[in-house]
N, C-alpha and C. Protein backbone atom coordinates (compact mmCIF):
# COMPACT_ATOMS: atom_id res chain seq x y z
N MET A 1 134.98 56.44 55.15
CA MET A 1 134.79 56.84 56.67
C MET A 1 135.02 56.49 57.77
N ALA A 2 135.55 54.89 57.55
CA ALA A 2 135.89 54.09 58.20
C ALA A 2 137.16 54.11 58.09
N VAL A 3 138.37 54.55 57.31
CA VAL A 3 139.62 54.76 57.34
C VAL A 3 140.27 56.28 57.75
N LEU A 4 139.38 56.69 58.25
CA LEU A 4 139.17 58.02 58.38
C LEU A 4 139.47 58.13 60.13
N GLN A 5 138.34 57.26 60.47
CA GLN A 5 138.28 57.20 61.42
C GLN A 5 139.49 56.46 62.50
N LEU A 6 140.12 55.64 61.60
CA LEU A 6 140.25 54.93 62.31
C LEU A 6 142.45 55.50 62.01
N LEU A 7 142.85 56.43 60.90
CA LEU A 7 143.63 57.40 61.20
C LEU A 7 143.67 58.42 62.22
N SER A 8 142.48 59.08 62.55
CA SER A 8 142.14 59.65 63.27
C SER A 8 142.86 59.11 64.84
N ASN A 9 142.06 57.74 65.19
CA ASN A 9 141.81 57.36 66.59
C ASN A 9 143.93 56.67 66.47
N TRP A 10 144.67 56.55 65.25
CA TRP A 10 145.80 56.55 65.46
C TRP A 10 146.21 57.36 66.33
N LEU A 11 145.98 58.57 65.12
CA LEU A 11 146.83 60.04 65.46
C LEU A 11 146.43 60.45 67.01
N ASP A 12 145.58 60.27 67.45
CA ASP A 12 145.11 60.10 68.79
C ASP A 12 146.58 59.80 69.36
N GLY A 13 146.17 58.81 69.75
CA GLY A 13 147.09 57.21 70.66
C GLY A 13 148.40 58.01 70.16
N PHE A 14 148.65 58.21 69.33
CA PHE A 14 150.79 58.87 68.83
C PHE A 14 150.60 60.09 69.76
N ALA A 15 149.72 60.96 69.85
CA ALA A 15 150.14 61.66 70.27
C ALA A 15 150.38 62.03 71.56
N ASN A 16 149.12 61.50 72.27
CA ASN A 16 148.97 61.38 74.14
C ASN A 16 150.67 60.29 73.63
N TYR A 17 150.85 59.29 73.56
CA TYR A 17 152.08 58.94 73.56
C TYR A 17 153.48 59.79 73.53
N LEU A 18 152.83 60.51 73.00
CA LEU A 18 154.42 61.53 73.09
C LEU A 18 154.02 62.68 73.91
N VAL A 19 152.99 62.64 74.85
CA VAL A 19 152.73 63.85 75.92
C VAL A 19 153.08 62.90 77.16
N ARG A 20 152.95 61.45 77.35
CA ARG A 20 153.92 60.34 77.99
C ARG A 20 154.43 60.81 78.15
N ARG A 21 155.35 60.71 76.49
CA ARG A 21 157.17 60.93 77.27
C ARG A 21 157.76 61.45 76.99
N ALA A 22 157.25 62.83 77.59
CA ALA A 22 157.12 64.20 76.96
C ALA A 22 157.48 64.00 79.19
N ALA A 23 156.22 64.17 79.74
CA ALA A 23 156.25 63.68 80.71
C ALA A 23 156.51 62.53 81.40
N ILE A 24 157.16 61.68 81.32
CA ILE A 24 158.22 61.00 82.04
C ILE A 24 159.42 61.38 81.64
N MET A 25 160.06 62.28 80.67
CA MET A 25 161.54 62.65 80.67
C MET A 25 161.75 63.96 81.35
N SER A 26 160.93 64.46 81.02
CA SER A 26 160.45 65.81 82.36
C SER A 26 160.47 65.33 84.00
N LEU A 27 159.68 64.37 84.40
CA LEU A 27 160.26 63.44 86.01
C LEU A 27 161.17 62.99 85.59
N HIS A 28 161.81 62.22 84.55
CA HIS A 28 162.84 61.77 85.41
C HIS A 28 164.26 62.97 85.49
N GLU A 29 164.19 64.30 84.41
CA GLU A 29 165.11 65.27 84.96
C GLU A 29 165.41 65.72 86.74
N LEU A 30 163.92 65.46 87.02
CA LEU A 30 164.08 66.74 88.33
C LEU A 30 164.62 65.08 88.98
N ASP A 31 165.26 66.15 90.15
CA ASP A 31 166.56 65.10 91.26
C ASP A 31 165.69 64.46 92.42
N ASP A 32 165.90 63.74 93.09
CA ASP A 32 165.16 62.64 94.42
C ASP A 32 164.24 63.73 95.21
N ARG A 33 165.31 64.68 95.36
CA ARG A 33 164.15 65.61 97.06
C ARG A 33 162.79 66.49 95.99
N ALA A 34 163.34 66.72 94.77
CA ALA A 34 161.87 67.33 94.46
C ALA A 34 160.73 66.53 93.90
N LEU A 35 161.09 65.16 93.42
CA LEU A 35 160.20 63.82 93.08
C LEU A 35 159.62 63.63 94.50
N ARG A 36 160.38 63.65 95.52
CA ARG A 36 159.59 63.18 96.83
C ARG A 36 158.82 64.08 97.75
N ASP A 37 159.36 65.93 96.94
CA ASP A 37 158.33 66.65 97.43
C ASP A 37 156.87 66.61 96.81
N ILE A 38 156.60 65.98 95.28
CA ILE A 38 155.72 66.07 94.89
C ILE A 38 155.04 64.52 95.46
N GLY A 39 155.78 64.02 96.20
CA GLY A 39 155.30 62.63 96.59
C GLY A 39 155.12 61.08 95.65
N LEU A 40 156.58 61.45 94.89
CA LEU A 40 156.70 60.29 94.16
C LEU A 40 158.25 59.60 94.01
N HIS A 41 157.99 58.31 93.85
CA HIS A 41 159.69 57.98 93.95
C HIS A 41 159.97 57.79 92.25
N ARG A 42 161.13 57.38 92.20
CA ARG A 42 161.67 57.94 90.49
C ARG A 42 160.90 56.10 89.88
N THR A 43 161.41 55.40 90.99
CA THR A 43 160.65 53.66 90.72
C THR A 43 159.19 54.01 90.23
N GLN A 44 158.31 54.98 90.17
CA GLN A 44 157.09 54.78 90.14
C GLN A 44 156.90 56.51 89.29
N ILE A 45 157.40 56.69 88.61
CA ILE A 45 157.28 57.42 87.31
C ILE A 45 156.51 57.09 86.40
N ASP A 46 156.84 56.34 85.77
CA ASP A 46 155.99 55.64 84.34
C ASP A 46 154.68 55.21 84.57
N ALA A 47 154.53 54.54 86.10
CA ALA A 47 153.51 54.35 86.86
C ALA A 47 152.37 55.46 87.01
N ALA A 48 153.06 56.76 87.46
CA ALA A 48 152.13 57.59 88.25
C ALA A 48 152.03 58.78 86.31
N VAL A 49 152.34 58.65 85.48
CA VAL A 49 152.21 58.89 84.46
C VAL A 49 151.31 58.10 83.16
N ARG A 50 151.09 57.09 83.72
CA ARG A 50 149.94 56.51 83.05
C ARG A 50 148.74 56.69 84.14
N GLY A 51 148.46 57.35 85.28
CA GLY A 51 147.46 57.06 85.86
C GLY A 51 147.55 56.01 86.90
N PHE A 52 148.26 55.35 86.77
CA PHE A 52 147.97 54.15 87.93
C PHE A 52 148.64 54.46 89.62
N ILE A 53 149.13 55.22 89.87
CA ILE A 53 149.42 56.22 90.97
C ILE A 53 149.03 57.50 91.07
N ARG A 54 148.13 57.12 92.27
CA ARG A 54 147.43 58.70 92.60
C ARG A 54 148.62 59.17 94.02
N LEU A 55 148.63 60.44 93.34
CA LEU A 55 149.74 61.90 93.84
C LEU A 55 148.56 62.16 94.97
N PRO A 56 149.24 63.44 96.38
CA PRO A 56 148.38 63.50 97.09
C PRO A 56 148.50 64.87 95.99
N ARG A 57 146.59 65.47 96.57
CA ARG A 57 146.61 66.97 96.06
C ARG A 57 146.04 67.87 97.06
N PRO A 58 147.17 69.05 96.79
CA PRO A 58 146.81 70.44 98.01
C PRO A 58 145.67 70.42 98.54
N ASN A 59 145.66 70.45 99.51
CA ASN A 59 144.33 71.49 100.56
C ASN A 59 144.27 72.37 100.04
N PRO A 60 143.26 73.36 100.21
CA PRO A 60 142.90 75.03 100.91
C PRO A 60 144.11 75.49 101.67
N ASP A 61 144.75 75.15 102.27
CA ASP A 61 145.54 75.48 102.86
C ASP A 61 146.71 75.48 102.88
N GLY A 62 147.22 74.76 101.77
CA GLY A 62 148.72 74.27 101.53
C GLY A 62 149.61 73.06 101.53
N MET A 63 148.37 72.51 102.45
CA MET A 63 149.15 70.98 102.62
C MET A 63 148.32 70.02 102.26
N THR A 64 149.38 68.97 101.78
CA THR A 64 148.56 67.88 101.41
C THR A 64 148.22 66.58 101.97
N THR A 65 146.90 66.48 101.16
CA THR A 65 146.32 65.12 101.66
C THR A 65 147.16 63.83 101.72
N SER A 66 146.93 62.33 102.15
CA SER A 66 147.82 61.48 101.99
C SER A 66 147.81 60.41 101.23
N PRO A 67 148.81 60.34 100.89
CA PRO A 67 148.83 59.35 99.53
C PRO A 67 147.60 58.34 99.11
N GLY A 68 147.49 57.58 100.03
CA GLY A 68 145.90 56.36 100.29
C GLY A 68 144.71 57.78 100.11
N GLY A 69 144.21 59.30 100.22
CA GLY A 69 143.57 59.90 100.55
C GLY A 69 143.19 60.22 99.11
N VAL A 70 142.58 61.22 98.96
CA VAL A 70 141.67 61.76 97.54
C VAL A 70 143.08 62.70 97.13
N GLY A 71 143.12 62.19 96.16
CA GLY A 71 144.47 62.25 95.20
C GLY A 71 143.89 62.77 93.70
N ALA A 72 144.60 62.88 92.49
CA ALA A 72 144.76 63.09 91.03
C ALA A 72 146.06 63.04 90.73
N SER A 73 145.91 62.39 89.64
CA SER A 73 147.07 61.40 88.93
C SER A 73 147.38 62.79 88.05
N ILE A 74 148.83 62.43 87.43
CA ILE A 74 149.44 63.36 86.74
C ILE A 74 148.72 63.04 85.53
N SER A 75 148.07 61.99 84.96
CA SER A 75 147.21 62.33 84.17
C SER A 75 146.55 63.08 83.97
N SER A 76 145.63 62.58 84.94
CA SER A 76 144.57 64.15 85.30
C SER A 76 144.97 65.35 85.11
N TRP A 77 146.18 65.46 85.53
CA TRP A 77 146.54 67.06 85.98
C TRP A 77 146.95 67.52 84.78
N ARG A 78 147.98 66.33 83.74
CA ARG A 78 147.97 66.87 82.16
C ARG A 78 146.48 67.14 81.28
N GLN A 79 145.53 66.45 81.62
CA GLN A 79 144.66 67.21 80.93
C GLN A 79 143.32 68.63 81.32
N ALA A 80 144.13 69.39 82.48
CA ALA A 80 143.83 70.34 82.74
C ALA A 80 143.93 71.10 82.00
């Protein structure tokens, strides 16, 4: 049973790695203007995908909160 749990954990970790890698590659394909529109600099892509950077979240009126305000990381968007 422990072997199955170990295998399951490894597969989950590998699947998460593949999702993060795909997100990083997709963000690197964006131009600087598109990245700026979502509040991200090219050097922040890896950290944002891993959830270390909080991105601005749109308010109901279509405006975004400041980067220091309430936000959602890319990893939480990925889980939605």
